[in-house]
N, C-alpha and C. Protein backbone atom coordinates (compact mmCIF):
# COMPACT_ATOMS: atom_id res chain seq x y z
N MET A 1 -16.66 36.37 130.48
CA MET A 1 -15.62 35.94 131.40
C MET A 1 -15.97 34.56 131.94
N ALA A 2 -15.02 33.67 131.93
CA ALA A 2 -15.24 32.30 132.43
C ALA A 2 -15.29 32.30 133.96
N PRO A 3 -16.14 31.46 134.53
CA PRO A 3 -16.20 31.40 135.99
C PRO A 3 -14.93 30.77 136.55
N SER A 4 -14.66 31.06 137.82
CA SER A 4 -13.51 30.45 138.47
C SER A 4 -13.74 28.95 138.61
N ASP A 5 -12.67 28.22 138.87
CA ASP A 5 -12.79 26.77 139.03
C ASP A 5 -13.76 26.41 140.15
N SER A 6 -13.70 27.15 141.27
CA SER A 6 -14.59 26.82 142.39
C SER A 6 -16.05 27.14 142.05
N THR A 7 -16.28 28.18 141.28
CA THR A 7 -17.64 28.51 140.87
C THR A 7 -18.16 27.46 139.89
N ALA A 8 -17.34 27.07 138.95
CA ALA A 8 -17.74 26.04 137.98
C ALA A 8 -18.03 24.73 138.69
N ALA A 9 -17.20 24.37 139.67
CA ALA A 9 -17.42 23.12 140.42
C ALA A 9 -18.73 23.20 141.21
N LYS A 10 -19.00 24.37 141.77
CA LYS A 10 -20.24 24.55 142.54
C LYS A 10 -21.46 24.35 141.65
N TYR A 11 -21.45 24.95 140.47
CA TYR A 11 -22.58 24.79 139.55
C TYR A 11 -22.67 23.37 139.00
N SER A 12 -21.54 22.77 138.71
CA SER A 12 -21.54 21.39 138.21
C SER A 12 -22.12 20.45 139.26
N ARG A 13 -21.73 20.67 140.52
CA ARG A 13 -22.23 19.84 141.62
C ARG A 13 -23.74 20.02 141.75
N ALA A 14 -24.20 21.24 141.65
CA ALA A 14 -25.65 21.51 141.74
C ALA A 14 -26.41 20.85 140.59
N ASP A 15 -25.85 20.93 139.38
CA ASP A 15 -26.48 20.29 138.22
C ASP A 15 -26.54 18.78 138.38
N LEU A 16 -25.46 18.18 138.84
CA LEU A 16 -25.42 16.73 139.04
C LEU A 16 -26.41 16.30 140.12
N THR A 17 -26.43 17.02 141.23
CA THR A 17 -27.37 16.71 142.31
C THR A 17 -28.80 16.79 141.82
N SER A 18 -29.11 17.80 141.05
CA SER A 18 -30.46 17.97 140.50
C SER A 18 -30.82 16.82 139.57
N ALA A 19 -29.90 16.42 138.72
CA ALA A 19 -30.16 15.32 137.78
C ALA A 19 -30.36 14.00 138.53
N LEU A 20 -29.55 13.75 139.54
CA LEU A 20 -29.70 12.51 140.33
C LEU A 20 -31.03 12.48 141.08
N LYS A 21 -31.41 13.61 141.65
CA LYS A 21 -32.70 13.69 142.35
C LYS A 21 -33.85 13.44 141.38
N ALA A 22 -33.77 14.04 140.21
CA ALA A 22 -34.84 13.87 139.22
C ALA A 22 -34.93 12.42 138.76
N GLY A 23 -33.80 11.78 138.55
CA GLY A 23 -33.79 10.39 138.10
C GLY A 23 -34.28 9.43 139.16
N CYS A 24 -34.05 9.77 140.41
CA CYS A 24 -34.42 8.88 141.51
C CYS A 24 -35.84 9.16 142.01
N GLY A 25 -36.23 10.41 141.95
CA GLY A 25 -37.55 10.78 142.45
C GLY A 25 -37.57 11.11 143.93
N ASN A 26 -36.39 11.26 144.52
CA ASN A 26 -36.30 11.58 145.95
C ASN A 26 -34.93 12.18 146.20
N THR A 27 -34.60 12.41 147.46
CA THR A 27 -33.28 12.94 147.77
C THR A 27 -32.24 11.85 147.53
N ILE A 28 -31.01 12.26 147.35
CA ILE A 28 -29.93 11.30 147.11
C ILE A 28 -29.77 10.37 148.31
N ALA A 29 -29.89 10.89 149.51
CA ALA A 29 -29.74 10.06 150.72
C ALA A 29 -30.81 8.97 150.76
N VAL A 30 -32.05 9.31 150.44
CA VAL A 30 -33.13 8.32 150.45
C VAL A 30 -32.89 7.27 149.37
N CYS A 31 -32.53 7.71 148.17
CA CYS A 31 -32.28 6.77 147.07
C CYS A 31 -31.11 5.85 147.39
N ALA A 32 -30.07 6.39 147.99
CA ALA A 32 -28.91 5.57 148.35
C ALA A 32 -29.29 4.52 149.39
N ALA A 33 -30.13 4.90 150.35
CA ALA A 33 -30.56 3.96 151.39
C ALA A 33 -31.43 2.85 150.82
N GLU A 34 -32.13 3.12 149.73
CA GLU A 34 -33.00 2.12 149.10
C GLU A 34 -32.26 1.24 148.09
N ASP A 35 -31.02 1.55 147.81
CA ASP A 35 -30.25 0.82 146.81
C ASP A 35 -30.03 -0.63 147.24
N THR A 36 -30.28 -1.55 146.34
CA THR A 36 -30.04 -2.97 146.62
C THR A 36 -29.00 -3.55 145.66
N GLY A 37 -28.36 -2.70 144.88
CA GLY A 37 -27.37 -3.14 143.91
C GLY A 37 -26.00 -3.36 144.53
N ARG A 38 -25.03 -3.51 143.67
CA ARG A 38 -23.66 -3.80 144.10
C ARG A 38 -23.10 -2.76 145.05
N PHE A 39 -23.53 -1.53 144.92
CA PHE A 39 -22.97 -0.46 145.74
C PHE A 39 -23.64 -0.34 147.11
N SER A 40 -24.59 -1.20 147.41
CA SER A 40 -25.29 -1.09 148.69
C SER A 40 -24.50 -1.68 149.86
N SER A 41 -23.46 -2.42 149.59
CA SER A 41 -22.62 -3.00 150.64
C SER A 41 -21.23 -2.36 150.57
N PRO A 42 -20.94 -1.41 151.45
CA PRO A 42 -19.62 -0.76 151.39
C PRO A 42 -18.45 -1.73 151.48
N ALA A 43 -18.55 -2.75 152.32
CA ALA A 43 -17.44 -3.69 152.47
C ALA A 43 -17.23 -4.50 151.19
N ALA A 44 -18.31 -4.97 150.59
CA ALA A 44 -18.19 -5.73 149.35
C ALA A 44 -17.70 -4.84 148.21
N ASN A 45 -18.16 -3.61 148.18
CA ASN A 45 -17.72 -2.68 147.15
C ASN A 45 -16.23 -2.37 147.29
N GLU A 46 -15.78 -2.18 148.51
CA GLU A 46 -14.36 -1.90 148.73
C GLU A 46 -13.50 -3.09 148.30
N THR A 47 -13.93 -4.30 148.63
CA THR A 47 -13.19 -5.50 148.23
C THR A 47 -13.11 -5.61 146.72
N CYS A 48 -14.21 -5.37 146.05
CA CYS A 48 -14.24 -5.41 144.58
C CYS A 48 -13.32 -4.34 144.00
N TYR A 49 -13.39 -3.15 144.55
CA TYR A 49 -12.57 -2.05 144.06
C TYR A 49 -11.09 -2.37 144.21
N GLU A 50 -10.70 -2.87 145.39
CA GLU A 50 -9.30 -3.20 145.63
C GLU A 50 -8.81 -4.27 144.66
N SER A 51 -9.63 -5.24 144.38
CA SER A 51 -9.26 -6.30 143.44
C SER A 51 -9.05 -5.73 142.03
N CYS A 52 -9.88 -4.77 141.68
CA CYS A 52 -9.81 -4.18 140.34
C CYS A 52 -8.68 -3.16 140.19
N GLN A 53 -8.06 -2.77 141.29
CA GLN A 53 -6.93 -1.84 141.20
C GLN A 53 -5.80 -2.41 140.35
N THR A 54 -5.54 -3.70 140.49
CA THR A 54 -4.42 -4.31 139.76
C THR A 54 -4.85 -5.52 138.94
N TYR A 55 -6.03 -6.03 139.18
CA TYR A 55 -6.51 -7.27 138.55
C TYR A 55 -5.50 -8.40 138.74
N HIS A 56 -4.67 -8.25 139.77
CA HIS A 56 -3.64 -9.24 140.11
C HIS A 56 -2.66 -9.50 138.95
N LEU A 57 -2.51 -8.48 138.11
CA LEU A 57 -1.56 -8.59 137.01
C LEU A 57 -0.15 -8.31 137.52
N PRO A 58 0.85 -8.82 136.86
CA PRO A 58 2.23 -8.63 137.33
C PRO A 58 2.73 -7.21 137.08
N VAL A 59 3.80 -6.88 137.76
CA VAL A 59 4.47 -5.59 137.56
C VAL A 59 5.14 -5.62 136.19
N VAL A 60 4.99 -4.54 135.45
CA VAL A 60 5.64 -4.44 134.14
C VAL A 60 6.58 -3.23 134.04
N PHE A 61 6.42 -2.29 134.91
CA PHE A 61 7.28 -1.10 134.92
C PHE A 61 8.00 -1.07 136.27
N GLY A 62 9.10 -1.78 136.36
CA GLY A 62 9.83 -1.91 137.61
C GLY A 62 10.31 -0.60 138.20
N ALA A 63 10.56 0.40 137.37
CA ALA A 63 11.09 1.67 137.85
C ALA A 63 10.11 2.41 138.77
N THR A 64 8.84 2.13 138.66
CA THR A 64 7.85 2.86 139.48
C THR A 64 7.30 2.03 140.64
N THR A 65 7.81 0.82 140.85
CA THR A 65 7.23 -0.05 141.89
C THR A 65 7.45 0.46 143.29
N SER A 66 8.61 1.03 143.57
CA SER A 66 8.91 1.43 144.94
C SER A 66 8.87 2.94 145.13
N THR A 67 8.27 3.64 144.21
CA THR A 67 8.21 5.10 144.32
C THR A 67 6.83 5.55 144.77
N VAL A 68 6.81 6.67 145.45
CA VAL A 68 5.56 7.35 145.75
C VAL A 68 5.56 8.58 144.85
N GLU A 69 4.57 8.67 144.00
CA GLU A 69 4.51 9.79 143.07
C GLU A 69 3.66 10.90 143.66
N ASP A 70 4.18 12.11 143.63
CA ASP A 70 3.44 13.27 144.09
C ASP A 70 2.37 13.58 143.05
N VAL A 71 1.15 13.22 143.36
CA VAL A 71 0.06 13.35 142.40
C VAL A 71 -0.15 14.81 142.01
N ALA A 72 -0.07 15.72 142.97
CA ALA A 72 -0.28 17.14 142.66
C ALA A 72 0.77 17.67 141.69
N ALA A 73 1.99 17.16 141.79
CA ALA A 73 3.04 17.61 140.88
C ALA A 73 2.95 16.91 139.53
N LYS A 74 2.62 15.63 139.53
CA LYS A 74 2.61 14.85 138.28
C LYS A 74 1.33 15.06 137.47
N ALA A 75 0.19 15.14 138.15
CA ALA A 75 -1.10 15.30 137.47
C ALA A 75 -1.95 16.29 138.28
N PRO A 76 -1.60 17.57 138.25
CA PRO A 76 -2.27 18.56 139.10
C PRO A 76 -3.79 18.64 138.92
N GLU A 77 -4.26 18.29 137.73
CA GLU A 77 -5.70 18.36 137.48
C GLU A 77 -6.48 17.33 138.30
N ALA A 78 -5.83 16.30 138.78
CA ALA A 78 -6.51 15.27 139.57
C ALA A 78 -7.11 15.86 140.84
N GLY A 79 -6.46 16.85 141.41
CA GLY A 79 -6.98 17.48 142.63
C GLY A 79 -8.33 18.15 142.42
N TYR A 80 -8.56 18.68 141.23
CA TYR A 80 -9.84 19.32 140.94
C TYR A 80 -10.99 18.33 141.02
N LEU A 81 -10.74 17.11 140.61
CA LEU A 81 -11.80 16.09 140.69
C LEU A 81 -12.19 15.83 142.13
N LEU A 82 -11.20 15.79 143.01
CA LEU A 82 -11.48 15.55 144.42
C LEU A 82 -12.15 16.75 145.07
N VAL A 83 -11.70 17.94 144.73
CA VAL A 83 -12.31 19.15 145.29
C VAL A 83 -13.76 19.30 144.82
N ALA A 84 -14.05 18.83 143.61
CA ALA A 84 -15.44 18.89 143.13
C ALA A 84 -16.34 18.00 143.99
N ALA A 85 -15.83 16.85 144.40
CA ALA A 85 -16.61 15.93 145.22
C ALA A 85 -16.61 16.35 146.69
N PHE A 86 -15.52 16.96 147.14
CA PHE A 86 -15.37 17.38 148.54
C PHE A 86 -14.94 18.85 148.55
N PRO A 87 -15.89 19.76 148.38
CA PRO A 87 -15.55 21.18 148.22
C PRO A 87 -14.88 21.83 149.43
N HIS A 88 -14.91 21.17 150.58
CA HIS A 88 -14.25 21.73 151.75
C HIS A 88 -12.73 21.60 151.69
N LEU A 89 -12.22 20.79 150.76
CA LEU A 89 -10.78 20.59 150.61
C LEU A 89 -10.15 21.68 149.76
N SER A 90 -8.93 22.03 150.09
CA SER A 90 -8.15 22.90 149.22
C SER A 90 -7.46 21.99 148.19
N LEU A 91 -6.93 22.57 147.14
CA LEU A 91 -6.20 21.77 146.16
C LEU A 91 -4.97 21.11 146.78
N ALA A 92 -4.31 21.81 147.69
CA ALA A 92 -3.14 21.24 148.36
C ALA A 92 -3.55 20.02 149.20
N GLN A 93 -4.66 20.14 149.94
CA GLN A 93 -5.15 19.01 150.73
C GLN A 93 -5.55 17.84 149.83
N ALA A 94 -6.18 18.15 148.72
CA ALA A 94 -6.58 17.10 147.77
C ALA A 94 -5.35 16.37 147.26
N GLY A 95 -4.32 17.11 146.91
CA GLY A 95 -3.07 16.49 146.43
C GLY A 95 -2.44 15.59 147.48
N GLU A 96 -2.46 16.04 148.73
CA GLU A 96 -1.90 15.23 149.82
C GLU A 96 -2.68 13.93 149.99
N ILE A 97 -4.00 14.02 149.94
CA ILE A 97 -4.83 12.83 150.09
C ILE A 97 -4.62 11.87 148.92
N LEU A 98 -4.60 12.39 147.72
CA LEU A 98 -4.39 11.54 146.54
C LEU A 98 -3.03 10.83 146.61
N THR A 99 -2.01 11.56 147.03
CA THR A 99 -0.67 10.97 147.11
C THR A 99 -0.58 9.94 148.24
N SER A 100 -1.16 10.26 149.39
CA SER A 100 -1.03 9.36 150.54
C SER A 100 -1.84 8.08 150.40
N THR A 101 -2.77 8.04 149.47
CA THR A 101 -3.61 6.84 149.31
C THR A 101 -3.34 6.10 148.01
N GLU A 102 -2.35 6.55 147.23
CA GLU A 102 -2.10 5.89 145.95
C GLU A 102 -1.64 4.45 146.16
N GLY A 103 -2.01 3.62 145.20
CA GLY A 103 -1.65 2.21 145.27
C GLY A 103 -0.22 1.97 144.81
N THR A 104 0.15 0.70 144.78
CA THR A 104 1.49 0.33 144.37
C THR A 104 1.72 0.65 142.90
N GLY A 105 2.95 0.92 142.58
CA GLY A 105 3.30 1.29 141.22
C GLY A 105 3.75 0.11 140.39
N GLY A 106 4.01 0.42 139.13
CA GLY A 106 4.58 -0.54 138.21
C GLY A 106 3.60 -1.42 137.47
N ARG A 107 2.33 -1.23 137.68
CA ARG A 107 1.34 -2.07 137.00
C ARG A 107 1.23 -1.66 135.54
N PHE A 108 0.38 -2.33 134.81
CA PHE A 108 0.37 -2.22 133.35
C PHE A 108 0.15 -0.82 132.79
N LEU A 109 -0.43 0.10 133.52
CA LEU A 109 -0.60 1.46 133.00
C LEU A 109 0.35 2.47 133.64
N ASP A 110 1.01 2.07 134.72
CA ASP A 110 1.86 2.99 135.48
C ASP A 110 3.28 3.03 134.92
N ASP A 111 3.44 3.76 133.84
CA ASP A 111 4.74 3.86 133.17
C ASP A 111 5.55 5.06 133.63
N GLY A 112 5.10 5.73 134.70
CA GLY A 112 5.81 6.90 135.20
C GLY A 112 5.34 8.21 134.61
N SER A 113 4.37 8.15 133.70
CA SER A 113 3.86 9.36 133.06
C SER A 113 2.76 10.00 133.90
N ALA A 114 2.36 11.19 133.50
CA ALA A 114 1.26 11.88 134.19
C ALA A 114 -0.03 11.08 134.09
N SER A 115 -0.30 10.49 132.94
CA SER A 115 -1.51 9.68 132.82
C SER A 115 -1.38 8.36 133.57
N GLY A 116 -0.17 7.85 133.68
CA GLY A 116 0.04 6.60 134.40
C GLY A 116 -0.28 6.69 135.88
N VAL A 117 -0.09 7.88 136.45
CA VAL A 117 -0.36 8.04 137.89
C VAL A 117 -1.84 7.80 138.21
N TYR A 118 -2.71 8.03 137.25
CA TYR A 118 -4.13 7.80 137.48
C TYR A 118 -4.43 6.33 137.77
N SER A 119 -3.62 5.43 137.23
CA SER A 119 -3.86 4.00 137.49
C SER A 119 -3.54 3.63 138.93
N ARG A 120 -2.84 4.50 139.62
CA ARG A 120 -2.48 4.22 141.02
C ARG A 120 -3.47 4.83 142.01
N LEU A 121 -4.36 5.66 141.54
CA LEU A 121 -5.29 6.33 142.45
C LEU A 121 -6.29 5.32 143.01
N ASN A 122 -6.33 5.24 144.31
CA ASN A 122 -7.29 4.37 144.98
C ASN A 122 -8.44 5.27 145.42
N LEU A 123 -9.40 5.43 144.55
CA LEU A 123 -10.47 6.39 144.80
C LEU A 123 -11.34 6.01 145.99
N TYR A 124 -11.41 4.74 146.29
CA TYR A 124 -12.17 4.32 147.48
C TYR A 124 -11.48 4.83 148.74
N ALA A 125 -10.16 4.64 148.82
CA ALA A 125 -9.40 5.13 149.97
C ALA A 125 -9.40 6.65 150.02
N VAL A 126 -9.34 7.27 148.85
CA VAL A 126 -9.38 8.74 148.76
C VAL A 126 -10.68 9.27 149.35
N ALA A 127 -11.80 8.68 148.94
CA ALA A 127 -13.11 9.14 149.42
C ALA A 127 -13.23 8.95 150.93
N LYS A 128 -12.76 7.82 151.44
CA LYS A 128 -12.82 7.58 152.88
C LYS A 128 -11.98 8.61 153.65
N LYS A 129 -10.80 8.90 153.15
CA LYS A 129 -9.92 9.85 153.83
C LYS A 129 -10.47 11.27 153.75
N ALA A 130 -11.01 11.64 152.60
CA ALA A 130 -11.60 12.98 152.45
C ALA A 130 -12.82 13.14 153.34
N ALA A 131 -13.65 12.09 153.43
CA ALA A 131 -14.83 12.14 154.29
C ALA A 131 -14.43 12.22 155.76
N ALA A 132 -13.39 11.49 156.14
CA ALA A 132 -12.90 11.56 157.53
C ALA A 132 -12.37 12.94 157.84
N PHE A 133 -11.69 13.54 156.88
CA PHE A 133 -11.18 14.90 157.06
C PHE A 133 -12.34 15.87 157.27
N ALA A 134 -13.38 15.72 156.47
CA ALA A 134 -14.56 16.60 156.60
C ALA A 134 -15.22 16.42 157.96
N ALA A 135 -15.31 15.18 158.44
CA ALA A 135 -15.96 14.92 159.73
C ALA A 135 -15.16 15.49 160.89
N SER A 136 -13.85 15.62 160.70
CA SER A 136 -13.01 16.12 161.80
C SER A 136 -13.00 17.64 161.90
N ARG A 137 -13.62 18.29 160.96
CA ARG A 137 -13.60 19.77 160.96
C ARG A 137 -14.72 20.33 161.78
């Protein structure tokens, strides 16, 4: 019998945490604090991420420029990725966060399809909102 999605996510998270600790030689928090790479500056990382959302390319799919796409309805599997990173969220909450933080539409991959919605996901904003939600509980 296959494990439930939440059980699989729990074990996957444990495996990933173990691998990261082994590769770093310490806890993830200690390794993150010692990081001097590109990801060590949250403000610089956010600026880079925002720039890479569109690469300042023009709109090519005008039909999706002014729409807000319900991520949970269009690409329901996207919520599982967020719940894996933030297990305190329900799938419904994950869908709400993904939808409320999505970027502008119509860019080169956003053709209105289920896969196109992924190009609108602002994962930096998603992580900040999910972390804020966790802190408020």
